[in-house]
């Protein structure tokens, strides 16, 4: 750093870097700057200039994430020790227990709370981590169980749920002021350990869904759609390194949304794996609440996704144009559709991670569809990539401690607030201010008069800083949302069957109508020339 001026020792002045030389703050000894760089790659928002000789401690993003990973690994080693004490898992190798430990979720319970209930279906296994519980059969306490604070033995229950389809044989109730359990669900267990015949009977294994390699979308018997048979109608939207255009089939006259991505830009930004992942994720999905993928093409300069069109436009634009903010009728409908989209993805162990009104599209009948799987990821256990929209970041994303599908339920809470109020709850022009607000929690956020009562209660139930405390992560799963008082009387069966009338039906005059989209040709990003590096990274992208 250059030294100049006569400021106090170890101080620096910060000025905006976008051509505005105005000093916006002074950083003194003991303060910090550049925190955003620890989370993800982003251009510097300001210039920092030393006004005098200064000693600065520096940490880069790589080392920061390595430290957090080591902390997480230490926790996982502790979890493995707990699994070592579970007799039902004695047949597992050390490496297999390590993989199971990564899938464990820490859940918190309060006094008198029922962790499991006798007679209900069982699909989760619990290891006592802290606290005390009573085991109750037919209304009588038969024994108690307390977590061993010295960690010399393991207390656990529900292990049969990993192996059998039986209902719960007992009720487990918390008797201490609080309790913590490490929780493992059967699907994670099966996905990790399906080949272990000593653990899961063959007939039971066959009954489970297989996620890896599952191709639901590319149904056999459907005629392939060739790119040369498509005729361009017009522009639907633009992105950072591609565009989405409406095309019509020359023979069937069906219309499709063709998403084009610049291979030059993909290569320059190192997004090869991300694009291939997006294709694989879309091929694993088949839901009326998620935009369908029909084909993928590989051109000399671009990659293409042939997608289902939703000509009603973006939910974001619709709300701003029609003034739907604050309408519970509209909000309930669109949130319910998003819930079903998440349910479909999570069943396949896919985390979405990019919910926002811009990524929800309306069909001509007003049905809601989730789009853009660019940040979605197949995950068993936790993943550590920081991505998404800052306004929708969950606390665990900010802390880089690893995240599960619980981040999606956090974003659902943010979306409900935004649809009701008109802006996200932790909104700020500066990402670091958003993160500070998120860390303080939803309890510090003002709820206006049109966002009080049951809807506020639901939002707060989703925006829990502890991931395992969010409503769908609790025992009961998504039924905790469906049965919430805000949704009292809502026809979820009709919603799922697409027979429930949408609260708003966009005007779409034909399957070639672009009126609900405002993208302009001049907004289209410039193509970067692509020179094949010879690695074959795109070899398996095309479906035809």
Protein backbone atom coordinates (compact mmCIF):
# COMPACT_ATOMS: atom_id res chain seq x y z
CA UNK A 1 0.00 0.00 0.00
CA UNK A 2 1.13 3.54 -0.69
CA UNK A 3 1.78 5.68 2.39
CA UNK A 4 0.83 9.32 2.36
CA UNK A 5 -0.79 12.00 4.54
CA UNK A 6 -0.72 12.31 8.31
CA UNK A 7 -3.68 10.20 9.43
CA UNK A 8 -3.54 8.21 12.66
CA UNK A 9 -1.34 5.09 12.53
CA UNK A 10 -2.93 1.89 11.12
CA UNK A 11 -5.88 3.73 9.59
CA UNK A 12 -7.08 3.81 6.01
CA UNK A 13 -9.72 5.61 3.99
CA UNK A 14 -12.18 3.80 1.76
CA UNK A 15 -13.51 5.38 -1.45
CA UNK A 16 -15.95 3.97 -3.99
CA UNK A 17 -14.23 2.38 -6.96
CA UNK A 18 -16.80 3.15 -9.66
CA UNK A 19 -15.31 6.50 -10.56
CA UNK A 20 -16.72 8.27 -7.51
CA UNK A 21 -13.70 9.28 -5.37
CA UNK A 22 -15.91 10.28 -2.45
CA UNK A 23 -14.69 8.89 0.89
CA UNK A 24 -17.52 6.87 2.41
CA UNK A 25 -15.82 5.59 5.57
CA UNK A 26 -12.56 5.43 7.50
CA UNK A 27 -11.28 2.04 8.65
CA UNK A 28 -9.20 2.15 11.82
CA UNK A 29 -7.09 -0.40 13.70
CA UNK A 30 -9.15 -3.43 14.72
CA UNK A 31 -11.74 -2.99 11.96
CA UNK A 32 -12.06 -5.01 8.77
CA UNK A 33 -13.10 -4.76 5.14
CA UNK A 34 -13.58 -7.08 2.17
CA UNK A 35 -15.72 -9.61 4.07
CA UNK A 36 -17.85 -10.32 1.01
CA UNK A 37 -14.84 -11.86 -0.74
CA UNK A 38 -14.78 -14.61 1.90
CA UNK A 39 -18.19 -15.83 0.74
CA UNK A 40 -17.98 -15.77 -3.04
CA UNK A 41 -16.31 -14.17 -6.03
CA UNK A 42 -17.64 -10.67 -6.61
CA UNK A 43 -16.08 -7.46 -8.00
CA UNK A 44 -14.82 -5.05 -5.32
CA UNK A 45 -17.45 -2.48 -4.42
CA UNK A 46 -14.92 0.08 -3.15
CA UNK A 47 -11.27 1.09 -3.26
CA UNK A 48 -9.26 0.99 -0.02
CA UNK A 49 -6.25 3.30 0.17
CA UNK A 50 -3.70 3.47 2.99
CA UNK A 51 -3.12 7.02 4.17
CA UNK A 52 -0.11 6.00 6.25
CA UNK A 53 2.08 2.95 6.78
CA UNK A 54 -0.23 0.17 7.92
CA UNK A 55 -0.01 -3.47 8.94
CA UNK A 56 -2.93 -5.47 7.59
CA UNK A 57 -3.87 -9.06 8.32
CA UNK A 58 -5.19 -10.81 5.21
CA UNK A 59 -7.07 -14.06 4.69
CA UNK A 60 -8.17 -15.31 1.29
CA UNK A 61 -11.41 -17.09 0.48
CA UNK A 62 -9.73 -20.45 -0.06
CA UNK A 63 -8.07 -20.56 3.36
CA UNK A 64 -11.21 -19.22 5.04
CA UNK A 65 -13.35 -21.98 3.55
CA UNK A 66 -10.69 -24.59 4.39
CA UNK A 67 -10.85 -23.55 8.05
CA UNK A 68 -14.64 -23.81 8.10
CA UNK A 69 -14.45 -27.20 6.41
CA UNK A 70 -12.03 -28.43 9.09
CA UNK A 71 -14.43 -27.29 11.81
CA UNK A 72 -17.21 -29.21 10.07
CA UNK A 73 -14.98 -32.28 9.69
CA UNK A 74 -14.26 -32.21 13.44
CA UNK A 75 -18.01 -32.25 14.08
CA UNK A 76 -18.45 -35.16 11.68
CA UNK A 77 -15.74 -37.17 13.46
CA UNK A 78 -17.69 -36.67 16.69
CA UNK A 79 -20.84 -37.90 14.94
CA UNK A 80 -18.98 -41.01 13.72
CA UNK A 81 -18.11 -41.86 17.34
CA UNK A 82 -21.81 -41.77 18.16
CA UNK A 83 -22.60 -44.09 15.25
CA UNK A 84 -19.93 -46.49 16.52
CA UNK A 85 -22.18 -47.07 19.53
CA UNK A 86 -25.21 -48.10 17.46
CA UNK A 87 -25.27 -51.92 17.36
CA UNK A 88 -27.53 -52.02 14.30
CA UNK A 89 -24.74 -50.34 12.33
CA UNK A 90 -21.92 -52.64 13.44
CA UNK A 91 -21.73 -54.17 9.96
CA UNK A 92 -20.72 -50.84 8.42
CA UNK A 93 -17.16 -50.01 7.53
CA UNK A 94 -15.54 -46.88 8.92
CA UNK A 95 -15.85 -45.05 5.60
CA UNK A 96 -19.53 -45.91 5.36
CA UNK A 97 -20.18 -44.52 8.83
CA UNK A 98 -18.35 -41.36 7.80
CA UNK A 99 -20.73 -40.95 4.86
CA UNK A 100 -23.71 -41.47 7.16
CA UNK A 101 -22.32 -38.90 9.58
CA UNK A 102 -22.35 -36.31 6.79
CA UNK A 103 -26.07 -36.94 6.33
CA UNK A 104 -26.96 -36.48 10.03
CA UNK A 105 -29.07 -33.44 10.89
CA UNK A 106 -28.92 -31.93 14.38
CA UNK A 107 -32.45 -31.22 15.67
CA UNK A 108 -33.48 -29.33 18.80
CA UNK A 109 -36.52 -30.11 20.97
CA UNK A 110 -38.10 -28.48 24.03
CA UNK A 111 -39.59 -29.91 27.23
CA UNK A 112 -42.74 -32.05 26.78
CA UNK A 113 -42.29 -32.11 23.00
CA UNK A 114 -43.02 -35.46 21.34
CA UNK A 115 -40.11 -36.53 19.16
CA UNK A 116 -41.95 -39.60 17.84
CA UNK A 117 -45.44 -40.93 18.54
CA UNK A 118 -46.53 -44.53 18.96
CA UNK A 119 -48.39 -45.84 15.92
CA UNK A 120 -47.18 -43.25 13.40
CA UNK A 121 -45.09 -44.34 10.39
CA UNK A 122 -41.38 -44.37 11.14
CA UNK A 123 -38.69 -43.32 8.68
CA UNK A 124 -36.13 -41.54 10.87
CA UNK A 125 -33.51 -42.70 13.34
CA UNK A 126 -32.45 -40.62 16.37
CA UNK A 127 -29.20 -40.49 18.36
CA UNK A 128 -29.38 -38.63 21.68
CA UNK A 129 -26.91 -35.74 21.61
CA UNK A 130 -28.07 -33.81 24.68
CA UNK A 131 -30.97 -33.95 27.15
CA UNK A 132 -33.32 -36.59 28.54
CA UNK A 133 -36.45 -38.34 27.22
CA UNK A 134 -39.11 -40.76 28.43
CA UNK A 135 -40.09 -43.83 26.40
CA UNK A 136 -43.87 -44.31 26.62
CA UNK A 137 -45.89 -47.35 25.48
CA UNK A 138 -49.69 -47.31 25.65
CA UNK A 139 -49.57 -44.24 27.88
CA UNK A 140 -47.16 -45.73 30.43
CA UNK A 141 -43.53 -44.68 30.93
CA UNK A 142 -41.46 -47.84 30.47
CA UNK A 143 -37.97 -46.32 30.63
CA UNK A 144 -35.98 -43.11 30.34
CA UNK A 145 -33.01 -42.24 28.19
CA UNK A 146 -30.37 -39.55 28.78
CA UNK A 147 -27.54 -38.40 26.55
CA UNK A 148 -24.16 -39.39 27.96
CA UNK A 149 -22.33 -36.09 28.46
CA UNK A 150 -19.01 -37.99 28.76
CA UNK A 151 -19.64 -39.45 25.31
CA UNK A 152 -18.65 -42.91 26.53
CA UNK A 153 -21.84 -44.56 25.27
CA UNK A 154 -24.56 -43.90 22.71
CA UNK A 155 -28.27 -43.60 23.49
CA UNK A 156 -30.50 -43.98 20.45
CA UNK A 157 -33.99 -44.93 19.33
CA UNK A 158 -35.93 -45.54 16.13
CA UNK A 159 -33.15 -47.62 14.53
CA UNK A 160 -35.72 -50.06 13.11
CA UNK A 161 -37.04 -47.23 10.96
CA UNK A 162 -33.89 -47.56 8.83
CA UNK A 163 -34.57 -51.23 8.12
CA UNK A 164 -38.32 -51.81 8.26
CA UNK A 165 -41.62 -50.15 7.35
CA UNK A 166 -43.21 -50.74 10.76
CA UNK A 167 -45.05 -48.04 12.69
CA UNK A 168 -43.48 -46.57 15.83
CA UNK A 169 -43.67 -48.97 18.76
CA UNK A 170 -43.42 -46.21 21.39
CA UNK A 171 -43.75 -42.50 22.04
CA UNK A 172 -40.62 -40.52 22.94
CA UNK A 173 -41.19 -37.33 24.97
CA UNK A 174 -38.60 -34.77 26.08
CA UNK A 175 -38.40 -34.42 29.88
CA UNK A 176 -35.38 -32.10 30.17
CA UNK A 177 -35.67 -28.36 29.48
CA UNK A 178 -34.19 -28.99 26.04
CA UNK A 179 -32.87 -31.91 24.02
CA UNK A 180 -30.77 -32.40 20.91
CA UNK A 181 -30.81 -35.39 18.58
CA UNK A 182 -28.79 -36.38 15.54
CA UNK A 183 -31.33 -37.48 12.94
CA UNK A 184 -30.93 -39.73 9.91
CA UNK A 185 -33.79 -40.49 7.51
CA UNK A 186 -34.26 -43.79 5.73
CA UNK A 187 -33.91 -42.41 2.18
CA UNK A 188 -30.45 -41.00 2.92
CA UNK A 189 -29.51 -44.30 4.54
CA UNK A 190 -30.69 -46.28 1.51
CA UNK A 191 -29.05 -44.01 -1.06
CA UNK A 192 -25.72 -44.32 0.70
CA UNK A 193 -25.88 -47.98 1.64
CA UNK A 194 -28.19 -49.74 -0.83
CA UNK A 195 -25.60 -52.40 -1.75
CA UNK A 196 -25.25 -53.64 1.84
CA UNK A 197 -27.37 -56.79 1.81
CA UNK A 198 -26.53 -57.44 5.44
CA UNK A 199 -28.27 -54.21 6.41
CA UNK A 200 -31.32 -53.92 4.16
CA UNK A 201 -33.28 -56.92 2.82
CA UNK A 202 -33.36 -57.17 -0.99
CA UNK A 203 -37.15 -56.81 -1.25
CA UNK A 204 -37.02 -53.60 0.79
CA UNK A 205 -34.22 -52.12 -1.29
CA UNK A 206 -36.16 -52.62 -4.50
CA UNK A 207 -39.05 -50.64 -3.07
CA UNK A 208 -36.90 -47.55 -2.66
CA UNK A 209 -36.54 -44.81 -5.21
CA UNK A 210 -33.25 -44.66 -7.07
CA UNK A 211 -32.10 -41.12 -7.67
CA UNK A 212 -28.71 -41.52 -9.30
CA UNK A 213 -29.20 -42.29 -12.97
CA UNK A 214 -32.95 -41.77 -12.81
CA UNK A 215 -34.17 -40.29 -16.08
CA UNK A 216 -37.85 -39.41 -15.84
CA UNK A 217 -38.00 -36.60 -18.31
CA UNK A 218 -36.68 -38.28 -21.47
CA UNK A 219 -39.60 -40.69 -21.79
CA UNK A 220 -39.24 -43.56 -24.25
CA UNK A 221 -41.57 -43.50 -27.23
CA UNK A 222 -41.59 -39.72 -27.65
CA UNK A 223 -40.32 -38.48 -31.00
CA UNK A 224 -37.06 -36.59 -30.83
CA UNK A 225 -37.24 -32.88 -31.58
CA UNK A 226 -34.49 -31.78 -33.95
CA UNK A 227 -33.14 -28.24 -33.76
CA UNK A 228 -33.33 -27.79 -37.52
CA UNK A 229 -37.11 -28.35 -37.32
CA UNK A 230 -37.57 -25.29 -35.11
CA UNK A 231 -38.46 -21.80 -36.33
CA UNK A 232 -37.72 -18.72 -34.21
CA UNK A 233 -40.68 -16.61 -33.07
CA UNK A 234 -39.04 -14.05 -30.77
CA UNK A 235 -37.13 -13.22 -27.59
CA UNK A 236 -38.37 -14.23 -24.13
CA UNK A 237 -35.49 -13.19 -21.90
CA UNK A 238 -31.76 -12.56 -21.54
CA UNK A 239 -29.15 -13.59 -19.01
CA UNK A 240 -25.48 -13.01 -18.32
CA UNK A 241 -24.20 -15.41 -20.96
CA UNK A 242 -27.23 -16.47 -22.94
CA UNK A 243 -30.80 -15.85 -24.02
CA UNK A 244 -34.16 -17.64 -24.06
CA UNK A 245 -36.18 -17.47 -27.28
CA UNK A 246 -39.55 -18.84 -28.34
CA UNK A 247 -39.46 -21.34 -31.21
CA UNK A 248 -42.20 -23.13 -33.16
CA UNK A 249 -41.93 -26.64 -34.57
CA UNK A 250 -42.36 -26.56 -38.36
CA UNK A 251 -44.48 -29.73 -38.44
CA UNK A 252 -46.41 -29.95 -35.16
CA UNK A 253 -46.67 -26.15 -34.61
CA UNK A 254 -45.92 -26.72 -30.92
CA UNK A 255 -43.90 -23.93 -29.33
CA UNK A 256 -40.86 -24.29 -27.08
CA UNK A 257 -38.51 -22.08 -25.10
CA UNK A 258 -34.94 -22.52 -26.38
CA UNK A 259 -32.30 -21.47 -23.87
CA UNK A 260 -28.98 -20.71 -25.56
CA UNK A 261 -25.69 -20.47 -23.61
CA UNK A 262 -22.41 -19.18 -25.01
CA UNK A 263 -19.77 -21.94 -24.88
CA UNK A 264 -17.06 -19.28 -24.98
CA UNK A 265 -18.47 -17.63 -21.88
CA UNK A 266 -18.98 -20.98 -20.15
CA UNK A 267 -15.33 -21.86 -20.75
CA UNK A 268 -14.05 -18.42 -19.71
CA UNK A 269 -15.93 -18.50 -16.40
CA UNK A 270 -15.24 -22.17 -15.66
CA UNK A 271 -18.95 -23.07 -15.66
CA UNK A 272 -18.62 -26.36 -17.57
CA UNK A 273 -19.56 -28.57 -14.62
CA UNK A 274 -22.41 -26.25 -13.64
CA UNK A 275 -24.02 -26.42 -17.09
CA UNK A 276 -23.70 -30.20 -17.27
CA UNK A 277 -25.17 -30.39 -13.77
CA UNK A 278 -28.14 -28.25 -14.82
CA UNK A 279 -28.90 -30.67 -17.64
CA UNK A 280 -28.68 -33.70 -15.35
CA UNK A 281 -30.90 -32.09 -12.72
CA UNK A 282 -33.58 -31.23 -15.30
CA UNK A 283 -33.49 -34.81 -16.60
CA UNK A 284 -34.22 -36.08 -13.08
CA UNK A 285 -37.40 -34.02 -12.71
CA UNK A 286 -40.93 -34.57 -13.95
CA UNK A 287 -43.36 -32.31 -12.12
CA UNK A 288 -46.21 -30.05 -13.26
CA UNK A 289 -44.67 -27.39 -11.00
CA UNK A 290 -41.24 -27.42 -12.69
CA UNK A 291 -40.42 -26.36 -16.26
CA UNK A 292 -39.86 -29.50 -18.36
CA UNK A 293 -36.76 -30.26 -20.41
CA UNK A 294 -37.42 -31.84 -23.83
CA UNK A 295 -34.03 -31.91 -25.56
CA UNK A 296 -30.48 -30.59 -25.33
CA UNK A 297 -28.37 -29.59 -28.34
CA UNK A 298 -24.66 -28.95 -28.80
CA UNK A 299 -23.70 -26.36 -31.41
CA UNK A 300 -20.32 -25.04 -32.51
CA UNK A 301 -20.60 -21.90 -30.38
CA UNK A 302 -23.54 -22.57 -28.04
CA UNK A 303 -25.28 -25.16 -25.89
CA UNK A 304 -29.07 -25.32 -25.99
CA UNK A 305 -31.86 -26.41 -23.62
CA UNK A 306 -35.23 -27.02 -25.29
CA UNK A 307 -37.76 -26.27 -22.55
CA UNK A 308 -41.46 -26.06 -21.91
CA UNK A 309 -42.70 -22.48 -22.47
CA UNK A 310 -44.69 -20.63 -19.81
CA UNK A 311 -46.10 -17.64 -21.66
CA UNK A 312 -47.84 -16.00 -18.69
CA UNK A 313 -44.57 -14.29 -17.76
CA UNK A 314 -42.46 -14.01 -14.61
CA UNK A 315 -44.19 -13.83 -11.24
CA UNK A 316 -41.96 -10.85 -10.38
CA UNK A 317 -43.18 -8.82 -13.35
CA UNK A 318 -46.79 -9.91 -12.81
CA UNK A 319 -46.82 -8.74 -9.18
CA UNK A 320 -45.31 -5.38 -10.08
CA UNK A 321 -47.64 -4.87 -13.01
CA UNK A 322 -50.85 -6.03 -11.32
CA UNK A 323 -50.14 -4.86 -7.77
CA UNK A 324 -50.75 -8.24 -6.13
CA UNK A 325 -48.46 -7.57 -3.16
CA UNK A 326 -50.37 -8.12 0.06
CA UNK A 327 -52.99 -10.44 -1.45
CA UNK A 328 -53.17 -13.63 0.64
CA UNK A 329 -55.25 -15.36 -2.05
CA UNK A 330 -52.51 -14.97 -4.65
CA UNK A 331 -49.68 -15.64 -2.21
CA UNK A 332 -51.19 -18.90 -0.92
CA UNK A 333 -51.63 -20.24 -4.45
CA UNK A 334 -48.13 -19.46 -5.69
CA UNK A 335 -46.46 -20.61 -2.47
CA UNK A 336 -48.38 -23.91 -2.58
CA UNK A 337 -47.09 -24.57 -6.10
CA UNK A 338 -43.56 -23.78 -5.00
CA UNK A 339 -43.97 -26.16 -2.06
CA UNK A 340 -44.87 -29.00 -4.45
CA UNK A 341 -41.87 -28.14 -6.65
CA UNK A 342 -39.56 -28.30 -3.62
CA UNK A 343 -41.16 -31.55 -2.46
CA UNK A 344 -40.44 -33.10 -5.87
CA UNK A 345 -36.82 -31.90 -5.86
CA UNK A 346 -36.09 -32.85 -2.25
CA UNK A 347 -37.46 -36.37 -2.77
CA UNK A 348 -34.72 -36.70 -5.39
CA UNK A 349 -32.12 -35.19 -3.02
CA UNK A 350 -31.91 -32.01 -5.12
CA UNK A 351 -31.43 -28.63 -3.41
CA UNK A 352 -32.71 -25.73 -5.54
CA UNK A 353 -30.93 -22.74 -3.90
CA UNK A 354 -32.16 -19.99 -6.23
CA UNK A 355 -35.74 -19.17 -5.30
CA UNK A 356 -36.94 -15.65 -6.17
CA UNK A 357 -40.00 -14.26 -7.99
CA UNK A 358 -37.98 -13.98 -11.22
CA UNK A 359 -37.55 -17.77 -11.28
CA UNK A 360 -41.27 -18.53 -11.06
CA UNK A 361 -43.22 -18.49 -14.31
CA UNK A 362 -46.95 -18.52 -15.04
CA UNK A 363 -48.65 -20.64 -17.68
CA UNK A 364 -51.55 -19.40 -19.78
CA UNK A 365 -53.90 -20.96 -17.18
CA UNK A 366 -52.15 -19.16 -14.33
CA UNK A 367 -50.36 -22.21 -12.92
CA UNK A 368 -46.95 -21.65 -11.34
CA UNK A 369 -43.74 -23.31 -12.54
CA UNK A 370 -40.23 -23.22 -11.11
CA UNK A 371 -37.48 -22.59 -13.66
CA UNK A 372 -33.68 -22.24 -13.92
CA UNK A 373 -31.79 -25.16 -12.34
CA UNK A 374 -28.41 -23.46 -12.76
CA UNK A 375 -27.67 -23.52 -9.02
CA UNK A 376 -29.53 -26.74 -8.15
CA UNK A 377 -27.45 -29.63 -6.83
CA UNK A 378 -27.87 -33.32 -6.02
CA UNK A 379 -26.74 -33.65 -2.40
CA UNK A 380 -26.70 -36.30 0.30
CA UNK A 381 -25.71 -34.65 3.55
CA UNK A 382 -24.28 -31.14 3.26
CA UNK A 383 -22.78 -29.01 0.52
CA UNK A 384 -20.56 -25.96 1.01
CA UNK A 385 -20.89 -23.87 -2.14
CA UNK A 386 -22.05 -20.30 -1.46
CA UNK A 387 -24.51 -19.29 -4.18
CA UNK A 388 -27.88 -17.68 -4.74
CA UNK A 389 -29.35 -14.20 -4.30
CA UNK A 390 -28.08 -12.29 -1.20
CA UNK A 391 -31.61 -11.21 -0.20
CA UNK A 392 -32.50 -14.92 0.04
CA UNK A 393 -29.33 -16.18 1.76
CA UNK A 394 -29.92 -18.46 4.76
CA UNK A 395 -27.71 -18.05 7.88
CA UNK A 396 -25.82 -21.28 7.19
CA UNK A 397 -24.94 -20.02 3.70
CA UNK A 398 -23.53 -16.83 5.17
CA UNK A 399 -21.58 -18.75 7.82
CA UNK A 400 -20.31 -21.26 5.20
CA UNK A 401 -20.86 -24.10 7.66
CA UNK A 402 -22.50 -26.34 5.07
CA UNK A 403 -26.14 -26.48 4.08
CA UNK A 404 -28.91 -28.96 3.28
CA UNK A 405 -32.32 -28.65 1.64
CA UNK A 406 -33.30 -26.57 4.68
CA UNK A 407 -31.99 -23.54 2.75
CA UNK A 408 -34.87 -23.93 0.30
CA UNK A 409 -37.44 -23.68 3.08
CA UNK A 410 -35.69 -20.53 4.33
CA UNK A 411 -36.05 -19.01 0.84
CA UNK A 412 -39.74 -19.94 0.85
CA UNK A 413 -40.19 -17.83 3.98
CA UNK A 414 -38.40 -14.93 2.29
CA UNK A 415 -40.64 -15.29 -0.76
CA UNK A 416 -43.85 -15.24 1.30
CA UNK A 417 -42.71 -12.02 3.00
CA UNK A 418 -41.80 -10.44 -0.35
CA UNK A 419 -45.12 -11.36 -1.97
CA UNK A 420 -47.03 -9.97 1.00
CA UNK A 421 -44.97 -6.84 1.69
CA UNK A 422 -43.32 -5.97 -1.62
CA UNK A 423 -39.69 -6.47 -0.64
CA UNK A 424 -37.56 -9.12 1.14
CA UNK A 425 -37.38 -8.88 4.96
CA UNK A 426 -33.61 -8.32 5.18
CA UNK A 427 -33.36 -6.01 2.17
CA UNK A 428 -30.40 -3.66 1.74
CA UNK A 429 -28.38 -2.22 -1.13
CA UNK A 430 -25.25 -3.66 0.50
CA UNK A 431 -24.86 -7.45 0.82
CA UNK A 432 -22.91 -7.22 4.09
CA UNK A 433 -25.79 -5.31 5.67
CA UNK A 434 -28.18 -8.04 4.50
CA UNK A 435 -25.99 -10.70 6.12
CA UNK A 436 -25.82 -8.75 9.37
CA UNK A 437 -29.63 -8.50 9.46
CA UNK A 438 -30.02 -12.21 8.70
CA UNK A 439 -27.69 -13.08 11.56
CA UNK A 440 -29.79 -10.98 13.97
CA UNK A 441 -32.86 -12.94 12.90
CA UNK A 442 -36.45 -12.41 11.76
CA UNK A 443 -37.40 -11.26 15.27
CA UNK A 444 -35.78 -7.89 14.52
CA UNK A 445 -37.84 -7.36 11.35
CA UNK A 446 -40.95 -5.15 11.30
CA UNK A 447 -44.07 -6.84 9.91
CA UNK A 448 -46.55 -4.35 8.41
CA UNK A 449 -50.27 -4.58 9.16
CA UNK A 450 -51.06 -6.62 6.02
CA UNK A 451 -48.54 -9.28 7.08
CA UNK A 452 -49.70 -10.09 10.60
CA UNK A 453 -51.39 -13.08 12.22
CA UNK A 454 -51.12 -16.59 10.69
CA UNK A 455 -49.02 -15.52 7.70
CA UNK A 456 -46.46 -13.87 10.00
CA UNK A 457 -46.41 -17.01 12.14
CA UNK A 458 -45.73 -19.15 9.06
CA UNK A 459 -42.94 -16.86 7.87
CA UNK A 460 -41.29 -16.97 11.29
CA UNK A 461 -41.64 -20.75 11.32
CA UNK A 462 -39.66 -20.93 8.08
CA UNK A 463 -37.10 -18.24 8.92
CA UNK A 464 -35.54 -20.04 11.88
CA UNK A 465 -31.79 -19.45 12.06
CA UNK A 466 -31.35 -23.08 13.13
CA UNK A 467 -31.99 -25.13 9.93
CA UNK A 468 -33.51 -28.12 11.73
CA UNK A 469 -36.10 -25.85 13.39
CA UNK A 470 -37.72 -24.76 10.12
CA UNK A 471 -41.24 -26.15 9.84
CA UNK A 472 -40.74 -28.69 7.02
CA UNK A 473 -37.53 -29.95 8.68
CA UNK A 474 -39.44 -30.85 11.84
CA UNK A 475 -41.21 -34.20 12.32
CA UNK A 476 -44.17 -34.11 9.95
CA UNK A 477 -42.24 -32.54 7.09
CA UNK A 478 -44.24 -30.60 4.53
CA UNK A 479 -47.51 -31.45 6.29
CA UNK A 480 -46.45 -28.85 8.87
CA UNK A 481 -46.98 -26.27 6.13
CA UNK A 482 -50.16 -27.77 4.72
CA UNK A 483 -51.73 -28.00 8.17
CA UNK A 484 -50.68 -24.50 9.23
CA UNK A 485 -53.57 -22.22 10.19
CA UNK A 486 -52.70 -19.81 7.35
CA UNK A 487 -53.58 -22.57 4.89
CA UNK A 488 -56.79 -23.60 6.66
CA UNK A 489 -59.37 -24.59 4.04
CA UNK A 490 -56.91 -24.52 1.13
CA UNK A 491 -57.47 -27.27 -1.47
CA UNK A 492 -54.02 -28.87 -1.71
CA UNK A 493 -55.41 -31.90 -3.56
CA UNK A 494 -56.87 -29.63 -6.22
CA UNK A 495 -53.64 -27.66 -6.35
CA UNK A 496 -51.58 -30.80 -6.93
CA UNK A 497 -54.00 -32.06 -9.59
CA UNK A 498 -54.03 -28.61 -11.30
CA UNK A 499 -57.83 -28.45 -10.92
CA UNK A 500 -57.81 -25.56 -8.44
CA UNK A 501 -58.61 -22.35 -10.30
CA UNK A 502 -55.70 -19.91 -10.31
CA UNK A 503 -56.40 -16.48 -8.73
CA UNK A 504 -55.09 -14.78 -11.85
CA UNK A 505 -55.11 -15.93 -15.46
CA UNK A 506 -52.67 -14.04 -17.71
CA UNK A 507 -53.79 -12.87 -21.12
CA UNK A 508 -52.13 -15.22 -23.62
CA UNK A 509 -53.76 -15.00 -27.06
CA UNK A 510 -51.87 -17.89 -28.66
CA UNK A 511 -48.91 -20.21 -28.13
CA UNK A 512 -46.79 -17.59 -29.93
CA UNK A 513 -47.83 -14.60 -27.81
CA UNK A 514 -44.82 -12.74 -26.34
CA UNK A 515 -46.85 -9.91 -24.77
CA UNK A 516 -46.02 -10.93 -21.19
CA UNK A 517 -42.27 -10.59 -21.76
CA UNK A 518 -40.37 -7.34 -22.19
CA UNK A 519 -36.88 -8.46 -23.27
CA UNK A 520 -35.32 -6.48 -26.09
CA UNK A 521 -32.94 -7.61 -28.82
CA UNK A 522 -30.34 -5.05 -27.71
CA UNK A 523 -30.29 -6.71 -24.27
CA UNK A 524 -28.91 -9.94 -25.68
CA UNK A 525 -25.39 -10.67 -24.38
CA UNK A 526 -22.45 -10.68 -26.76
CA UNK A 527 -21.22 -14.10 -27.84
CA UNK A 528 -17.66 -14.93 -26.82
CA UNK A 529 -15.79 -16.84 -29.51
CA UNK A 530 -15.34 -20.47 -28.51
CA UNK A 531 -12.19 -22.45 -29.24
CA UNK A 532 -12.53 -26.13 -28.32
CA UNK A 533 -9.92 -26.94 -25.63
CA UNK A 534 -10.03 -30.62 -26.59
CA UNK A 535 -11.07 -31.85 -23.14
CA UNK A 536 -14.42 -33.24 -24.28
CA UNK A 537 -16.28 -31.47 -21.47
CA UNK A 538 -19.41 -31.07 -23.64
CA UNK A 539 -19.27 -34.50 -25.29
CA UNK A 540 -22.38 -35.88 -23.58
CA UNK A 541 -24.47 -32.71 -23.45
CA UNK A 542 -26.66 -33.28 -26.52
CA UNK A 543 -29.68 -35.59 -26.27
CA UNK A 544 -30.06 -35.84 -30.07
